[in-house]
């Protein structure tokens, strides 16, 4: 059986869910462009294969980006801290969710104020060793991310987390991590920032959504694909049925502990995203 035939058979026998990181994966690491994946995104939409963003970005950022992507699916924000499901997307409201404007929300993390208070306390122990979004403000976030002023403002509208920019050396960072562990918190290192977690992660968000999709249709098995390029994607990549590691132009690929075969893209960013997904699912893109 050819690779194309295998992909077609998978689509015919399973409900396929695609969970994807954004920065450096579906979006280009340098300019946040996603145009190389547009054709495939249209095909996936027509095939009723949901593409579910799972990102460190905020709800405010995703609301704008989803319009550009023409994406109407659930999405996961702030590294698994919360899942936002458009009201009416499912026939019934998922158990354990709250209503927030036009969404049903399943949160896994404390509100932002908790994280700010914790970092303020630690800043006395580690003076001048780190800063975070609340202190950076829009201009600071813009400087360290390369985002426009508007996009930096959206990135700073956090609800469940507080990204940390480390300024000190590696030895002190190790001490900082130990201090957080004493509080029951650990760090996941993303592409640019440190992300603090109380136990929630992208993998747990994937598993929660997969279980809900499966409960809606117990006859059709679910097959999950996850794509990511960084260490903060590891939990998601290890929780899925088919992990796809997208090549990064700036860092080594994350190391996974999984019995599933791992696909590594030859191309980076949206080019790698479109190439690996189309091949795996048996779609022909272009000539």
Protein backbone atom coordinates (compact mmCIF):
# COMPACT_ATOMS: atom_id res chain seq x y z
CA UNK A 1 0.00 0.00 0.00
CA UNK A 2 1.41 3.40 -0.96
CA UNK A 3 1.75 6.32 1.43
CA UNK A 4 -1.12 8.07 -0.36
CA UNK A 5 -3.40 5.04 -0.03
CA UNK A 6 -2.58 4.67 3.67
CA UNK A 7 -3.54 8.30 4.27
CA UNK A 8 -6.83 7.91 2.40
CA UNK A 9 -7.67 4.74 4.35
CA UNK A 10 -6.96 6.50 7.64
CA UNK A 11 -9.30 9.33 6.70
CA UNK A 12 -12.00 6.87 5.67
CA UNK A 13 -11.92 4.87 8.90
CA UNK A 14 -11.14 7.49 11.55
CA UNK A 15 -12.11 10.94 12.71
CA UNK A 16 -8.81 12.77 12.35
CA UNK A 17 -8.01 15.67 14.68
CA UNK A 18 -4.98 17.89 14.04
CA UNK A 19 -3.51 19.69 17.04
CA UNK A 20 -0.89 22.23 16.09
CA UNK A 21 1.53 24.61 17.70
CA UNK A 22 1.67 27.99 15.98
CA UNK A 23 4.94 29.95 16.28
CA UNK A 24 7.65 28.11 14.36
CA UNK A 25 5.20 25.41 13.28
CA UNK A 26 2.13 26.60 11.38
CA UNK A 27 3.52 30.15 11.52
CA UNK A 28 6.99 31.04 10.27
CA UNK A 29 9.46 31.57 13.13
CA UNK A 30 10.67 34.93 11.80
CA UNK A 31 7.68 36.64 10.18
CA UNK A 32 4.65 34.65 11.48
CA UNK A 33 3.54 33.97 7.89
CA UNK A 34 1.35 30.92 7.17
CA UNK A 35 0.73 31.29 3.42
CA UNK A 36 2.53 28.04 2.40
CA UNK A 37 -0.12 26.10 4.36
CA UNK A 38 -3.21 27.92 3.09
CA UNK A 39 -4.09 25.48 0.29
CA UNK A 40 -3.93 22.50 2.62
CA UNK A 41 -5.91 24.31 5.31
CA UNK A 42 -8.73 24.79 2.78
CA UNK A 43 -8.61 21.09 1.86
CA UNK A 44 -8.69 20.01 5.50
CA UNK A 45 -11.68 22.26 6.15
CA UNK A 46 -13.55 20.74 3.22
CA UNK A 47 -12.66 17.25 4.47
CA UNK A 48 -14.05 18.10 7.95
CA UNK A 49 -10.68 17.53 9.60
CA UNK A 50 -10.43 20.14 12.37
CA UNK A 51 -7.16 22.01 12.86
CA UNK A 52 -7.00 22.90 16.55
CA UNK A 53 -4.42 25.54 17.53
CA UNK A 54 -2.53 24.69 20.73
CA UNK A 55 -0.30 27.60 21.58
CA UNK A 56 1.35 29.84 24.13
CA UNK A 57 -0.63 32.71 22.64
CA UNK A 58 -3.56 34.41 24.37
CA UNK A 59 -7.26 34.28 23.56
CA UNK A 60 -7.02 37.86 22.23
CA UNK A 61 -4.26 36.84 19.83
CA UNK A 62 -6.17 33.77 18.68
CA UNK A 63 -9.37 35.69 18.00
CA UNK A 64 -7.54 37.80 15.45
CA UNK A 65 -5.49 34.95 14.01
CA UNK A 66 -8.47 32.59 13.66
CA UNK A 67 -10.11 35.11 11.34
CA UNK A 68 -6.99 35.20 9.17
CA UNK A 69 -6.84 31.40 9.14
CA UNK A 70 -10.60 31.07 8.62
CA UNK A 71 -10.53 28.70 11.58
CA UNK A 72 -13.74 28.09 13.52
CA UNK A 73 -12.56 25.19 15.69
CA UNK A 74 -11.82 24.99 19.42
CA UNK A 75 -8.40 26.29 20.44
CA UNK A 76 -6.02 25.94 23.37
CA UNK A 77 -4.27 28.99 24.81
CA UNK A 78 -1.33 29.80 27.05
CA UNK A 79 0.38 26.38 26.82
CA UNK A 80 -2.62 24.30 27.78
CA UNK A 81 -3.97 26.62 30.47
CA UNK A 82 -7.45 26.76 28.92
CA UNK A 83 -9.54 25.40 26.07
CA UNK A 84 -11.97 27.73 24.30
CA UNK A 85 -14.86 26.12 22.42
CA UNK A 86 -17.22 28.29 20.35
CA UNK A 87 -20.73 28.07 21.78
CA UNK A 88 -22.80 25.75 19.62
CA UNK A 89 -19.77 24.02 18.12
CA UNK A 90 -20.95 20.86 19.87
CA UNK A 91 -24.60 19.94 20.38
CA UNK A 92 -24.26 20.19 24.15
CA UNK A 93 -22.04 22.19 26.44
CA UNK A 94 -19.12 20.02 27.60
CA UNK A 95 -19.25 19.09 31.27
CA UNK A 96 -16.76 21.04 33.34
CA UNK A 97 -16.80 24.14 31.15
CA UNK A 98 -17.86 27.68 32.04
CA UNK A 99 -19.43 30.30 29.81
CA UNK A 100 -17.28 33.26 28.80
CA UNK A 101 -18.73 35.59 26.18
CA UNK A 102 -19.14 33.52 22.99
CA UNK A 103 -17.20 30.52 24.30
CA UNK A 104 -17.41 27.50 26.56
CA UNK A 105 -14.16 27.43 28.53
CA UNK A 106 -12.37 24.59 30.27
CA UNK A 107 -9.59 26.07 32.40
CA UNK A 108 -6.72 24.11 33.94
CA UNK A 109 -4.65 26.90 35.54
CA UNK A 110 -5.05 29.74 38.06
CA UNK A 111 -5.73 33.27 36.87
CA UNK A 112 -2.90 35.61 35.87
CA UNK A 113 -2.86 37.43 39.22
CA UNK A 114 -1.64 34.27 40.94
CA UNK A 115 1.43 34.07 38.68
CA UNK A 116 2.25 37.78 38.99
CA UNK A 117 2.16 37.59 42.78
CA UNK A 118 4.43 34.54 42.73
CA UNK A 119 6.97 36.24 40.45
CA UNK A 120 6.93 39.41 42.52
CA UNK A 121 7.87 37.32 45.54
CA UNK A 122 10.67 35.55 43.67
CA UNK A 123 12.05 38.80 42.27
CA UNK A 124 13.25 39.67 45.78
CA UNK A 125 15.25 36.44 45.87
CA UNK A 126 16.50 36.79 42.28
CA UNK A 127 16.84 40.56 41.75
CA UNK A 128 17.44 41.70 38.16
CA UNK A 129 17.61 38.07 36.95
CA UNK A 130 14.31 38.00 35.09
CA UNK A 131 11.37 40.05 33.95
CA UNK A 132 7.89 39.16 32.78
CA UNK A 133 5.11 40.43 30.54
CA UNK A 134 3.36 42.57 33.15
CA UNK A 135 6.58 44.47 33.80
CA UNK A 136 7.65 44.64 30.16
CA UNK A 137 4.43 46.27 29.00
CA UNK A 138 3.48 46.54 25.35
CA UNK A 139 6.74 48.19 24.27
CA UNK A 140 8.88 45.60 26.05
CA UNK A 141 6.92 42.67 24.66
CA UNK A 142 7.21 44.23 21.21
CA UNK A 143 10.99 44.60 21.60
CA UNK A 144 11.62 41.00 22.63
CA UNK A 145 9.16 39.30 20.27
CA UNK A 146 9.39 41.42 17.13
CA UNK A 147 5.60 41.79 17.15
CA UNK A 148 3.85 44.94 16.04
CA UNK A 149 2.57 47.26 18.76
CA UNK A 150 -0.99 45.99 18.22
CA UNK A 151 0.04 42.33 18.34
CA UNK A 152 2.25 42.91 21.39
CA UNK A 153 -0.74 44.43 23.18
CA UNK A 154 -2.81 41.32 22.38
CA UNK A 155 0.02 39.06 23.56
CA UNK A 156 0.02 40.84 26.91
CA UNK A 157 -3.70 40.26 27.48
CA UNK A 158 -3.01 37.08 29.38
CA UNK A 159 -5.64 35.37 31.50
CA UNK A 160 -4.00 32.24 32.93
CA UNK A 161 -0.22 32.69 32.74
CA UNK A 162 2.74 35.07 32.85
CA UNK A 163 5.69 34.38 30.50
CA UNK A 164 9.14 35.02 31.96
CA UNK A 165 12.14 36.44 30.13
CA UNK A 166 15.29 35.12 31.79
CA UNK A 167 18.15 37.65 32.02
CA UNK A 168 20.61 35.79 34.24
CA UNK A 169 23.05 32.93 33.67
CA UNK A 170 22.25 29.23 33.43
CA UNK A 171 23.40 28.39 36.96
CA UNK A 172 21.09 30.98 38.47
CA UNK A 173 18.28 29.80 36.22
CA UNK A 174 18.69 26.32 37.68
CA UNK A 175 18.29 27.82 41.17
CA UNK A 176 15.23 29.71 39.96
CA UNK A 177 13.70 26.46 38.70
CA UNK A 178 14.39 24.81 42.07
CA UNK A 179 12.69 27.68 43.88
CA UNK A 180 9.62 27.25 41.70
CA UNK A 181 9.58 23.51 42.29
CA UNK A 182 9.37 24.24 46.01
CA UNK A 183 6.11 26.04 45.18
CA UNK A 184 4.84 23.09 43.14
CA UNK A 185 5.55 24.90 39.87
CA UNK A 186 7.84 23.89 37.04
CA UNK A 187 9.14 25.60 33.94
CA UNK A 188 8.61 24.70 30.31
CA UNK A 189 11.05 26.48 28.00
CA UNK A 190 9.52 27.83 24.83
CA UNK A 191 11.12 29.45 21.84
CA UNK A 192 11.78 32.78 23.58
CA UNK A 193 10.29 32.69 27.06
CA UNK A 194 9.99 30.51 30.15
CA UNK A 195 6.45 29.30 30.83
CA UNK A 196 5.36 28.39 34.36
CA UNK A 197 3.03 25.44 34.90
CA UNK A 198 1.08 24.09 37.86
CA UNK A 199 0.48 20.77 36.10
CA UNK A 200 -1.46 21.82 33.03
CA UNK A 201 0.16 21.35 29.65
CA UNK A 202 -0.65 21.01 25.97
CA UNK A 203 -0.86 17.23 26.21
CA UNK A 204 -3.57 17.27 28.87
CA UNK A 205 -5.60 19.73 26.80
CA UNK A 206 -5.27 17.44 23.77
CA UNK A 207 -6.38 14.41 25.78
CA UNK A 208 -9.40 16.27 27.20
CA UNK A 209 -10.60 17.36 23.76
CA UNK A 210 -9.94 13.94 22.23
CA UNK A 211 -12.05 12.27 24.92
CA UNK A 212 -14.92 14.67 24.31
CA UNK A 213 -14.83 14.16 20.54
CA UNK A 214 -14.79 10.39 21.10
CA UNK A 215 -17.73 10.53 23.51
CA UNK A 216 -19.81 12.24 20.82
CA UNK A 217 -19.20 9.39 18.35
CA UNK A 218 -18.25 6.12 19.99
CA UNK A 219 -18.44 4.21 16.70
CA UNK A 220 -15.68 6.07 14.83
CA UNK A 221 -12.21 5.89 16.39
CA UNK A 222 -10.32 9.14 16.85
CA UNK A 223 -6.83 9.56 15.37
CA UNK A 224 -4.86 12.53 16.66
CA UNK A 225 -1.99 14.23 14.87
CA UNK A 226 0.12 16.79 16.73
CA UNK A 227 2.70 19.15 15.27
CA UNK A 228 5.28 21.19 17.14
CA UNK A 229 8.86 22.40 17.05
CA UNK A 230 9.80 23.19 20.64
CA UNK A 231 10.22 21.74 24.12
CA UNK A 232 6.89 23.17 25.24
CA UNK A 233 5.24 20.95 22.61
CA UNK A 234 6.63 17.71 24.04
CA UNK A 235 3.59 16.81 26.18
CA UNK A 236 1.29 17.29 23.19
CA UNK A 237 3.53 15.32 20.84
CA UNK A 238 3.76 12.47 23.35
CA UNK A 239 -0.02 12.40 23.94
CA UNK A 240 -1.06 12.05 20.28
CA UNK A 241 -1.27 9.09 17.91
CA UNK A 242 1.08 10.62 15.34
CA UNK A 243 3.69 13.15 16.48
CA UNK A 244 5.19 15.38 13.78
CA UNK A 245 8.23 17.43 14.75
CA UNK A 246 8.63 20.49 12.55
CA UNK A 247 12.20 21.46 11.78
CA UNK A 248 13.30 24.64 13.53
CA UNK A 249 15.77 27.12 12.00
CA UNK A 250 17.03 28.10 15.45
CA UNK A 251 17.07 25.09 17.79
CA UNK A 252 17.48 21.35 18.05
CA UNK A 253 14.31 19.22 17.81
CA UNK A 254 12.65 18.25 21.08
CA UNK A 255 13.34 14.75 22.38
CA UNK A 256 10.25 12.59 22.81
CA UNK A 257 9.47 9.55 24.93
CA UNK A 258 6.84 7.73 22.92
CA UNK A 259 6.24 4.36 21.35
CA UNK A 260 4.66 6.04 18.32
CA UNK A 261 6.77 6.51 15.17
CA UNK A 262 7.90 10.12 14.94
CA UNK A 263 7.80 12.07 11.69
CA UNK A 264 10.43 14.80 11.31
CA UNK A 265 9.82 17.42 8.64
CA UNK A 266 12.58 18.25 6.17
CA UNK A 267 11.31 21.81 5.81
CA UNK A 268 10.68 24.36 8.57
CA UNK A 269 7.58 26.32 9.55
CA UNK A 270 4.45 26.28 7.39
CA UNK A 271 6.29 24.67 4.48
CA UNK A 272 7.18 21.70 6.66
CA UNK A 273 3.68 21.69 8.16
CA UNK A 274 1.95 21.47 4.78
CA UNK A 275 4.40 18.93 3.38
CA UNK A 276 4.23 16.45 6.27
CA UNK A 277 0.46 16.67 6.87
CA UNK A 278 -0.42 16.33 3.18
CA UNK A 279 1.87 13.31 2.78
CA UNK A 280 0.63 11.62 5.94
CA UNK A 281 -3.06 12.06 5.09
CA UNK A 282 -2.67 11.27 1.41
CA UNK A 283 -3.57 14.68 0.02
CA UNK A 284 -1.94 15.91 -3.18
CA UNK A 285 -1.02 19.58 -3.02
CA UNK A 286 0.03 21.53 -6.10
CA UNK A 287 1.19 19.86 -9.28
